[in-house]
Amino acid sequence: MEQRDTPALPAQLMAKPALSWSEFWTDLLGLPDSTAEQITREPNPPKFFLLGRRRYIRTKDAIAWIDAVAQQSPYFPRRNHKRGGNS
């Protein structure tokens, strides 16, 4: 795993042609490694590739995967319509 003093800003990361495993999951999405490993075992994981022993994802594939996940499971705020009193 790479050792960095400070993580790159998202704009700096998105300017790169490819992102490392930790840049994508930790720096860009803010997810821990355990969650990243779990997601990669689910259907339709992001398309990573190997350079040597390190995993990378092309930036355009990362954006496409994020867009696909956002379309599959959009967030809708929960609305509770509780009425006061005994009805």
PDB file of N, CA and C in Angstrom:
ATOM      1  N   MET A   1       0.821  -1.176   0.000  1.00  0.00           N
ATOM      2  CA  MET A   1       0.000   0.000   0.000  1.00  0.00           C
ATOM      3  C   MET A   1       0.871   1.247   0.000  1.00  0.00           C
ATOM      4  N   GLU A   2       0.441   2.252  -0.687  1.00  0.00           N
ATOM      5  CA  GLU A   2       1.203   3.483  -0.798  1.00  0.00           C
ATOM      6  C   GLU A   2       1.114   4.283   0.492  1.00  0.00           C
ATOM      7  N   GLN A   3       2.217   4.940   0.846  1.00  0.00           N
ATOM      8  CA  GLN A   3       2.233   5.819   2.000  1.00  0.00           C
ATOM      9  C   GLN A   3       2.280   7.258   1.496  1.00  0.00           C
ATOM     10  N   ARG A   4       1.281   8.043   1.877  1.00  0.00           N
ATOM     11  CA  ARG A   4       1.235   9.453   1.490  1.00  0.00           C
ATOM     12  C   ARG A   4       1.016  10.285   2.733  1.00  0.00           C
ATOM     13  N   ASP A   5       1.598  11.482   2.726  1.00  0.00           N
ATOM     14  CA  ASP A   5       1.425  12.379   3.863  1.00  0.00           C
ATOM     15  C   ASP A   5       0.032  12.994   3.862  1.00  0.00           C
ATOM     16  N   THR A   6      -0.389  13.517   2.720  1.00  0.00           N
ATOM     17  CA  THR A   6      -1.713  14.131   2.622  1.00  0.00           C
ATOM     18  C   THR A   6      -2.413  13.604   1.373  1.00  0.00           C
ATOM     19  N   PRO A   7      -3.697  13.334   1.473  1.00  0.00           N
ATOM     20  CA  PRO A   7      -4.417  12.860   0.289  1.00  0.00           C
ATOM     21  C   PRO A   7      -4.590  13.977  -0.733  1.00  0.00           C
ATOM     22  N   ALA A   8      -4.666  13.582  -1.990  1.00  0.00           N
ATOM     23  CA  ALA A   8      -4.880  14.558  -3.061  1.00  0.00           C
ATOM     24  C   ALA A   8      -6.331  15.034  -3.027  1.00  0.00           C
ATOM     25  N   LEU A   9      -6.556  16.220  -3.531  1.00  0.00           N
ATOM     26  CA  LEU A   9      -7.909  16.748  -3.616  1.00  0.00           C
ATOM     27  C   LEU A   9      -8.658  16.028  -4.727  1.00  0.00           C
ATOM     28  N   PRO A  10      -9.999  15.884  -4.627  1.00  0.00           N
ATOM     29  CA  PRO A  10     -10.759  15.204  -5.674  1.00  0.00           C
ATOM     30  C   PRO A  10     -10.513  15.764  -7.069  1.00  0.00           C
ATOM     31  N   ALA A  11     -10.372  17.080  -7.212  1.00  0.00           N
ATOM     32  CA  ALA A  11     -10.119  17.668  -8.533  1.00  0.00           C
ATOM     33  C   ALA A  11      -8.774  17.211  -9.082  1.00  0.00           C
ATOM     34  N   GLN A  12      -7.773  17.086  -8.217  1.00  0.00           N
ATOM     35  CA  GLN A  12      -6.465  16.601  -8.650  1.00  0.00           C
ATOM     36  C   GLN A  12      -6.544  15.140  -9.065  1.00  0.00           C
ATOM     37  N   LEU A  13      -7.309  14.359  -8.317  1.00  0.00           N
ATOM     38  CA  LEU A  13      -7.459  12.941  -8.643  1.00  0.00           C
ATOM     39  C   LEU A  13      -8.162  12.748  -9.976  1.00  0.00           C
ATOM     40  N   MET A  14      -9.203  13.514 -10.227  1.00  0.00           N
ATOM     41  CA  MET A  14      -9.987  13.331 -11.442  1.00  0.00           C
ATOM     42  C   MET A  14      -9.226  13.779 -12.683  1.00  0.00           C
ATOM     43  N   ALA A  15      -8.146  14.530 -12.522  1.00  0.00           N
ATOM     44  CA  ALA A  15      -7.331  14.947 -13.656  1.00  0.00           C
ATOM     45  C   ALA A  15      -6.376  13.842 -14.105  1.00  0.00           C
ATOM     46  N   LYS A  16      -6.225  12.817 -13.281  1.00  0.00           N
ATOM     47  CA  LYS A  16      -5.324  11.721 -13.615  1.00  0.00           C
ATOM     48  C   LYS A  16      -6.022  10.735 -14.559  1.00  0.00           C
ATOM     49  N   PRO A  17      -5.281  10.054 -15.438  1.00  0.00           N
ATOM     50  CA  PRO A  17      -5.909   9.068 -16.327  1.00  0.00           C
ATOM     51  C   PRO A  17      -6.338   7.803 -15.593  1.00  0.00           C
ATOM     52  N   ALA A  18      -5.669   7.475 -14.487  1.00  0.00           N
ATOM     53  CA  ALA A  18      -6.023   6.288 -13.703  1.00  0.00           C
ATOM     54  C   ALA A  18      -5.786   6.575 -12.231  1.00  0.00           C
ATOM     55  N   LEU A  19      -6.568   5.893 -11.392  1.00  0.00           N
ATOM     56  CA  LEU A  19      -6.468   6.067  -9.945  1.00  0.00           C
ATOM     57  C   LEU A  19      -6.045   4.743  -9.315  1.00  0.00           C
ATOM     58  N   SER A  20      -5.214   4.825  -8.295  1.00  0.00           N
ATOM     59  CA  SER A  20      -4.844   3.617  -7.563  1.00  0.00           C
ATOM     60  C   SER A  20      -6.019   3.187  -6.692  1.00  0.00           C
ATOM     61  N   TRP A  21      -5.918   1.986  -6.157  1.00  0.00           N
ATOM     62  CA  TRP A  21      -6.959   1.431  -5.291  1.00  0.00           C
ATOM     63  C   TRP A  21      -7.281   2.391  -4.148  1.00  0.00           C
ATOM     64  N   SER A  22      -6.250   2.851  -3.434  1.00  0.00           N
ATOM     65  CA  SER A  22      -6.500   3.712  -2.276  1.00  0.00           C
ATOM     66  C   SER A  22      -6.962   5.112  -2.688  1.00  0.00           C
ATOM     67  N   GLU A  23      -6.482   5.612  -3.814  1.00  0.00           N
ATOM     68  CA  GLU A  23      -6.958   6.919  -4.278  1.00  0.00           C
ATOM     69  C   GLU A  23      -8.450   6.877  -4.576  1.00  0.00           C
ATOM     70  N   PHE A  24      -8.897   5.799  -5.205  1.00  0.00           N
ATOM     71  CA  PHE A  24     -10.314   5.691  -5.557  1.00  0.00           C
ATOM     72  C   PHE A  24     -11.185   5.494  -4.322  1.00  0.00           C
ATOM     73  N   TRP A  25     -10.900   4.461  -3.549  1.00  0.00           N
ATOM     74  CA  TRP A  25     -11.774   4.118  -2.424  1.00  0.00           C
ATOM     75  C   TRP A  25     -11.626   5.064  -1.237  1.00  0.00           C
ATOM     76  N   THR A  26     -10.410   5.352  -0.840  1.00  0.00           N
ATOM     77  CA  THR A  26     -10.183   6.133   0.383  1.00  0.00           C
ATOM     78  C   THR A  26     -10.223   7.631   0.126  1.00  0.00           C
ATOM     79  N   ASP A  27      -9.414   8.103  -0.822  1.00  0.00           N
ATOM     80  CA  ASP A  27      -9.296   9.548  -1.032  1.00  0.00           C
ATOM     81  C   ASP A  27     -10.518  10.136  -1.731  1.00  0.00           C
ATOM     82  N   LEU A  28     -11.035   9.434  -2.746  1.00  0.00           N
ATOM     83  CA  LEU A  28     -12.149   9.991  -3.518  1.00  0.00           C
ATOM     84  C   LEU A  28     -13.498   9.694  -2.864  1.00  0.00           C
ATOM     85  N   LEU A  29     -13.741   8.417  -2.509  1.00  0.00           N
ATOM     86  CA  LEU A  29     -15.045   8.045  -1.960  1.00  0.00           C
ATOM     87  C   LEU A  29     -15.095   8.038  -0.433  1.00  0.00           C
ATOM     88  N   GLY A  30     -13.944   7.992   0.213  1.00  0.00           N
ATOM     89  CA  GLY A  30     -13.913   8.006   1.678  1.00  0.00           C
ATOM     90  C   GLY A  30     -14.372   6.704   2.313  1.00  0.00           C
ATOM     91  N   LEU A  31     -14.160   5.581   1.634  1.00  0.00           N
ATOM     92  CA  LEU A  31     -14.584   4.283   2.151  1.00  0.00           C
ATOM     93  C   LEU A  31     -13.403   3.502   2.700  1.00  0.00           C
ATOM     94  N   PRO A  32     -13.610   2.718   3.752  1.00  0.00           N
ATOM     95  CA  PRO A  32     -12.523   1.889   4.275  1.00  0.00           C
ATOM     96  C   PRO A  32     -12.251   0.695   3.352  1.00  0.00           C
ATOM     97  N   ASP A  33     -11.072   0.097   3.502  1.00  0.00           N
ATOM     98  CA  ASP A  33     -10.692  -1.042   2.661  1.00  0.00           C
ATOM     99  C   ASP A  33     -11.665  -2.205   2.776  1.00  0.00           C
ATOM    100  N   SER A  34     -12.193  -2.458   3.964  1.00  0.00           N
ATOM    101  CA  SER A  34     -13.113  -3.586   4.136  1.00  0.00           C
ATOM    102  C   SER A  34     -14.377  -3.400   3.293  1.00  0.00           C
ATOM    103  N   THR A  35     -14.900  -2.203   3.237  1.00  0.00           N
ATOM    104  CA  THR A  35     -16.077  -1.920   2.412  1.00  0.00           C
ATOM    105  C   THR A  35     -15.728  -2.033   0.937  1.00  0.00           C
ATOM    106  N   ALA A  36     -14.556  -1.547   0.552  1.00  0.00           N
ATOM    107  CA  ALA A  36     -14.112  -1.643  -0.842  1.00  0.00           C
ATOM    108  C   ALA A  36     -14.010  -3.097  -1.276  1.00  0.00           C
ATOM    109  N   GLU A  37     -13.421  -3.934  -0.455  1.00  0.00           N
ATOM    110  CA  GLU A  37     -13.297  -5.359  -0.783  1.00  0.00           C
ATOM    111  C   GLU A  37     -14.674  -6.002  -0.920  1.00  0.00           C
ATOM    112  N   GLN A  38     -15.601  -5.636  -0.057  1.00  0.00           N
ATOM    113  CA  GLN A  38     -16.959  -6.182  -0.121  1.00  0.00           C
ATOM    114  C   GLN A  38     -17.649  -5.755  -1.419  1.00  0.00           C
ATOM    115  N   ILE A  39     -17.520  -4.507  -1.802  1.00  0.00           N
ATOM    116  CA  ILE A  39     -18.157  -3.997  -3.017  1.00  0.00           C
ATOM    117  C   ILE A  39     -17.607  -4.702  -4.248  1.00  0.00           C
ATOM    118  N   THR A  40     -16.308  -4.995  -4.255  1.00  0.00           N
ATOM    119  CA  THR A  40     -15.722  -5.641  -5.427  1.00  0.00           C
ATOM    120  C   THR A  40     -16.163  -7.088  -5.581  1.00  0.00           C
ATOM    121  N   ARG A  41     -16.762  -7.656  -4.556  1.00  0.00           N
ATOM    122  CA  ARG A  41     -17.268  -9.025  -4.634  1.00  0.00           C
ATOM    123  C   ARG A  41     -18.758  -9.071  -4.996  1.00  0.00           C
ATOM    124  N   GLU A  42     -19.409  -7.923  -5.059  1.00  0.00           N
ATOM    125  CA  GLU A  42     -20.823  -7.845  -5.422  1.00  0.00           C
ATOM    126  C   GLU A  42     -20.963  -7.827  -6.942  1.00  0.00           C
ATOM    127  N   PRO A  43     -22.182  -8.013  -7.456  1.00  0.00           N
ATOM    128  CA  PRO A  43     -22.388  -7.923  -8.906  1.00  0.00           C
ATOM    129  C   PRO A  43     -22.050  -6.510  -9.419  1.00  0.00           C
ATOM    130  N   ASN A  44     -21.515  -6.449 -10.611  1.00  0.00           N
ATOM    131  CA  ASN A  44     -21.163  -5.193 -11.286  1.00  0.00           C
ATOM    132  C   ASN A  44     -20.179  -4.329 -10.500  1.00  0.00           C
ATOM    133  N   PRO A  45     -19.019  -4.896 -10.135  1.00  0.00           N
ATOM    134  CA  PRO A  45     -18.016  -4.082  -9.437  1.00  0.00           C
ATOM    135  C   PRO A  45     -17.321  -3.129 -10.405  1.00  0.00           C
ATOM    136  N   PRO A  46     -16.595  -2.148  -9.893  1.00  0.00           N
ATOM    137  CA  PRO A  46     -15.825  -1.268 -10.776  1.00  0.00           C
ATOM    138  C   PRO A  46     -14.751  -2.078 -11.513  1.00  0.00           C
ATOM    139  N   LYS A  47     -14.366  -1.604 -12.693  1.00  0.00           N
ATOM    140  CA  LYS A  47     -13.405  -2.316 -13.543  1.00  0.00           C
ATOM    141  C   LYS A  47     -11.980  -1.900 -13.212  1.00  0.00           C
ATOM    142  N   PHE A  48     -11.340  -2.634 -12.320  1.00  0.00           N
ATOM    143  CA  PHE A  48      -9.947  -2.396 -11.978  1.00  0.00           C
ATOM    144  C   PHE A  48      -9.049  -3.244 -12.870  1.00  0.00           C
ATOM    145  N   PHE A  49      -7.795  -2.845 -12.995  1.00  0.00           N
ATOM    146  CA  PHE A  49      -6.808  -3.635 -13.721  1.00  0.00           C
ATOM    147  C   PHE A  49      -5.509  -3.623 -12.927  1.00  0.00           C
ATOM    148  N   LEU A  50      -4.619  -4.539 -13.238  1.00  0.00           N
ATOM    149  CA  LEU A  50      -3.356  -4.653 -12.521  1.00  0.00           C
ATOM    150  C   LEU A  50      -2.207  -4.085 -13.329  1.00  0.00           C
ATOM    151  N   LEU A  51      -1.337  -3.349 -12.662  1.00  0.00           N
ATOM    152  CA  LEU A  51      -0.033  -2.960 -13.176  1.00  0.00           C
ATOM    153  C   LEU A  51       0.955  -3.495 -12.153  1.00  0.00           C
ATOM    154  N   GLY A  52       1.618  -4.563 -12.521  1.00  0.00           N
ATOM    155  CA  GLY A  52       2.445  -5.251 -11.531  1.00  0.00           C
ATOM    156  C   GLY A  52       1.518  -5.899 -10.514  1.00  0.00           C
ATOM    157  N   ARG A  53       1.698  -5.561  -9.258  1.00  0.00           N
ATOM    158  CA  ARG A  53       0.828  -6.091  -8.201  1.00  0.00           C
ATOM    159  C   ARG A  53      -0.202  -5.073  -7.711  1.00  0.00           C
ATOM    160  N   ARG A  54      -0.212  -3.907  -8.305  1.00  0.00           N
ATOM    161  CA  ARG A  54      -1.113  -2.844  -7.839  1.00  0.00           C
ATOM    162  C   ARG A  54      -2.368  -2.741  -8.699  1.00  0.00           C
ATOM    163  N   ARG A  55      -3.477  -2.437  -8.046  1.00  0.00           N
ATOM    164  CA  ARG A  55      -4.763  -2.292  -8.736  1.00  0.00           C
ATOM    165  C   ARG A  55      -5.009  -0.831  -9.064  1.00  0.00           C
ATOM    166  N   TYR A  56      -5.499  -0.615 -10.289  1.00  0.00           N
ATOM    167  CA  TYR A  56      -5.839   0.725 -10.763  1.00  0.00           C
ATOM    168  C   TYR A  56      -7.184   0.691 -11.459  1.00  0.00           C
ATOM    169  N   ILE A  57      -7.816   1.849 -11.548  1.00  0.00           N
ATOM    170  CA  ILE A  57      -9.048   2.002 -12.300  1.00  0.00           C
ATOM    171  C   ILE A  57      -8.898   3.253 -13.163  1.00  0.00           C
ATOM    172  N   ARG A  58      -9.302   3.154 -14.434  1.00  0.00           N
ATOM    173  CA  ARG A  58      -9.272   4.336 -15.284  1.00  0.00           C
ATOM    174  C   ARG A  58     -10.299   5.327 -14.750  1.00  0.00           C
ATOM    175  N   THR A  59      -9.966   6.588 -14.793  1.00  0.00           N
ATOM    176  CA  THR A  59     -10.840   7.620 -14.254  1.00  0.00           C
ATOM    177  C   THR A  59     -12.211   7.583 -14.927  1.00  0.00           C
ATOM    178  N   LYS A  60     -12.246   7.380 -16.241  1.00  0.00           N
ATOM    179  CA  LYS A  60     -13.542   7.344 -16.928  1.00  0.00           C
ATOM    180  C   LYS A  60     -14.358   6.128 -16.496  1.00  0.00           C
ATOM    181  N   ASP A  61     -13.708   4.987 -16.179  1.00  0.00           N
ATOM    182  CA  ASP A  61     -14.436   3.824 -15.663  1.00  0.00           C
ATOM    183  C   ASP A  61     -14.955   4.089 -14.251  1.00  0.00           C
ATOM    184  N   ALA A  62     -14.175   4.821 -13.452  1.00  0.00           N
ATOM    185  CA  ALA A  62     -14.603   5.175 -12.093  1.00  0.00           C
ATOM    186  C   ALA A  62     -15.858   6.044 -12.148  1.00  0.00           C
ATOM    187  N   ILE A  63     -15.858   7.032 -13.042  1.00  0.00           N
ATOM    188  CA  ILE A  63     -17.021   7.916 -13.175  1.00  0.00           C
ATOM    189  C   ILE A  63     -18.236   7.131 -13.659  1.00  0.00           C
ATOM    190  N   ALA A  64     -18.037   6.246 -14.630  1.00  0.00           N
ATOM    191  CA  ALA A  64     -19.141   5.440 -15.161  1.00  0.00           C
ATOM    192  C   ALA A  64     -19.727   4.545 -14.068  1.00  0.00           C
ATOM    193  N   TRP A  65     -18.870   3.933 -13.246  1.00  0.00           N
ATOM    194  CA  TRP A  65     -19.353   3.059 -12.176  1.00  0.00           C
ATOM    195  C   TRP A  65     -20.117   3.867 -11.122  1.00  0.00           C
ATOM    196  N   ILE A  66     -19.596   5.018 -10.736  1.00  0.00           N
ATOM    197  CA  ILE A  66     -20.279   5.872  -9.754  1.00  0.00           C
ATOM    198  C   ILE A  66     -21.645   6.302 -10.293  1.00  0.00           C
ATOM    199  N   ASP A  67     -21.715   6.687 -11.557  1.00  0.00           N
ATOM    200  CA  ASP A  67     -22.995   7.070 -12.167  1.00  0.00           C
ATOM    201  C   ASP A  67     -23.978   5.911 -12.183  1.00  0.00           C
ATOM    202  N   ALA A  68     -23.504   4.705 -12.500  1.00  0.00           N
ATOM    203  CA  ALA A  68     -24.378   3.523 -12.542  1.00  0.00           C
ATOM    204  C   ALA A  68     -24.935   3.208 -11.155  1.00  0.00           C
ATOM    205  N   VAL A  69     -24.095   3.290 -10.141  1.00  0.00           N
ATOM    206  CA  VAL A  69     -24.549   3.031  -8.770  1.00  0.00           C
ATOM    207  C   VAL A  69     -25.565   4.085  -8.339  1.00  0.00           C
ATOM    208  N   ALA A  70     -25.314   5.322  -8.698  1.00  0.00           N
ATOM    209  CA  ALA A  70     -26.229   6.413  -8.332  1.00  0.00           C
ATOM    210  C   ALA A  70     -27.595   6.229  -8.996  1.00  0.00           C
ATOM    211  N   GLN A  71     -27.620   5.724 -10.224  1.00  0.00           N
ATOM    212  CA  GLN A  71     -28.894   5.497 -10.913  1.00  0.00           C
ATOM    213  C   GLN A  71     -29.632   4.288 -10.354  1.00  0.00           C
ATOM    214  N   GLN A  72     -28.892   3.264  -9.942  1.00  0.00           N
ATOM    215  CA  GLN A  72     -29.513   2.045  -9.420  1.00  0.00           C
ATOM    216  C   GLN A  72     -30.125   2.244  -8.044  1.00  0.00           C
ATOM    217  N   SER A  73     -29.529   3.058  -7.232  1.00  0.00           N
ATOM    218  CA  SER A  73     -30.033   3.236  -5.876  1.00  0.00           C
ATOM    219  C   SER A  73     -29.998   4.698  -5.462  1.00  0.00           C
ATOM    220  N   PRO A  74     -30.923   5.483  -6.018  1.00  0.00           N
ATOM    221  CA  PRO A  74     -30.961   6.901  -5.639  1.00  0.00           C
ATOM    222  C   PRO A  74     -31.421   7.066  -4.186  1.00  0.00           C
ATOM    223  N   TYR A  75     -31.035   8.145  -3.592  1.00  0.00           N
ATOM    224  CA  TYR A  75     -31.412   8.437  -2.209  1.00  0.00           C
ATOM    225  C   TYR A  75     -32.665   9.296  -2.190  1.00  0.00           C
ATOM    226  N   PHE A  76     -33.629   8.851  -1.435  1.00  0.00           N
ATOM    227  CA  PHE A  76     -34.835   9.637  -1.199  1.00  0.00           C
ATOM    228  C   PHE A  76     -34.981   9.815   0.298  1.00  0.00           C
ATOM    229  N   PRO A  77     -35.056  11.045   0.779  1.00  0.00           N
ATOM    230  CA  PRO A  77     -35.204  11.252   2.217  1.00  0.00           C
ATOM    231  C   PRO A  77     -36.472  10.588   2.730  1.00  0.00           C
ATOM    232  N   ARG A  78     -36.366   9.994   3.890  1.00  0.00           N
ATOM    233  CA  ARG A  78     -37.506   9.333   4.507  1.00  0.00           C
ATOM    234  C   ARG A  78     -38.396  10.385   5.124  1.00  0.00           C
ATOM    235  N   ARG A  79     -39.664  10.226   4.885  1.00  0.00           N
ATOM    236  CA  ARG A  79     -40.621  11.176   5.454  1.00  0.00           C
ATOM    237  C   ARG A  79     -41.570  10.427   6.372  1.00  0.00           C
ATOM    238  N   ASN A  80     -41.553  10.800   7.599  1.00  0.00           N
ATOM    239  CA  ASN A  80     -42.477  10.217   8.575  1.00  0.00           C
ATOM    240  C   ASN A  80     -43.621  11.189   8.776  1.00  0.00           C
ATOM    241  N   HIS A  81     -44.795  10.698   8.544  1.00  0.00           N
ATOM    242  CA  HIS A  81     -45.985  11.527   8.726  1.00  0.00           C
ATOM    243  C   HIS A  81     -46.702  11.068   9.991  1.00  0.00           C
ATOM    244  N   LYS A  82     -46.068  11.318  11.110  1.00  0.00           N
ATOM    245  CA  LYS A  82     -46.659  10.935  12.382  1.00  0.00           C
ATOM    246  C   LYS A  82     -47.631  12.041  12.809  1.00  0.00           C
ATOM    247  N   ARG A  83     -48.760  11.605  13.218  1.00  0.00           N
ATOM    248  CA  ARG A  83     -49.749  12.564  13.706  1.00  0.00           C
ATOM    249  C   ARG A  83     -49.725  12.584  15.219  1.00  0.00           C
ATOM    250  N   GLY A  84     -49.889  13.748  15.752  1.00  0.00           N
ATOM    251  CA  GLY A  84     -49.902  13.891  17.204  1.00  0.00           C
ATOM    252  C   GLY A  84     -51.210  13.387  17.793  1.00  0.00           C
ATOM    253  N   GLY A  85     -51.174  13.005  19.035  1.00  0.00           N
ATOM    254  CA  GLY A  85     -52.401  12.561  19.710  1.00  0.00           C
ATOM    255  C   GLY A  85     -52.692  11.086  19.470  1.00  0.00           C
ATOM    256  N   ASN A  86     -53.804  10.628  19.994  1.00  0.00           N
ATOM    257  CA  ASN A  86     -54.217   9.233  19.856  1.00  0.00           C
ATOM    258  C   ASN A  86     -55.270   9.134  18.761  1.00  0.00           C
ATOM    259  N   SER A  87     -54.903   8.619  17.632  1.00  0.00           N
ATOM    260  CA  SER A  87     -55.874   8.474  16.542  1.00  0.00           C
ATOM    261  C   SER A  87     -56.263   7.052  16.362  1.00  0.00           C
TER     262      SER A  87
END
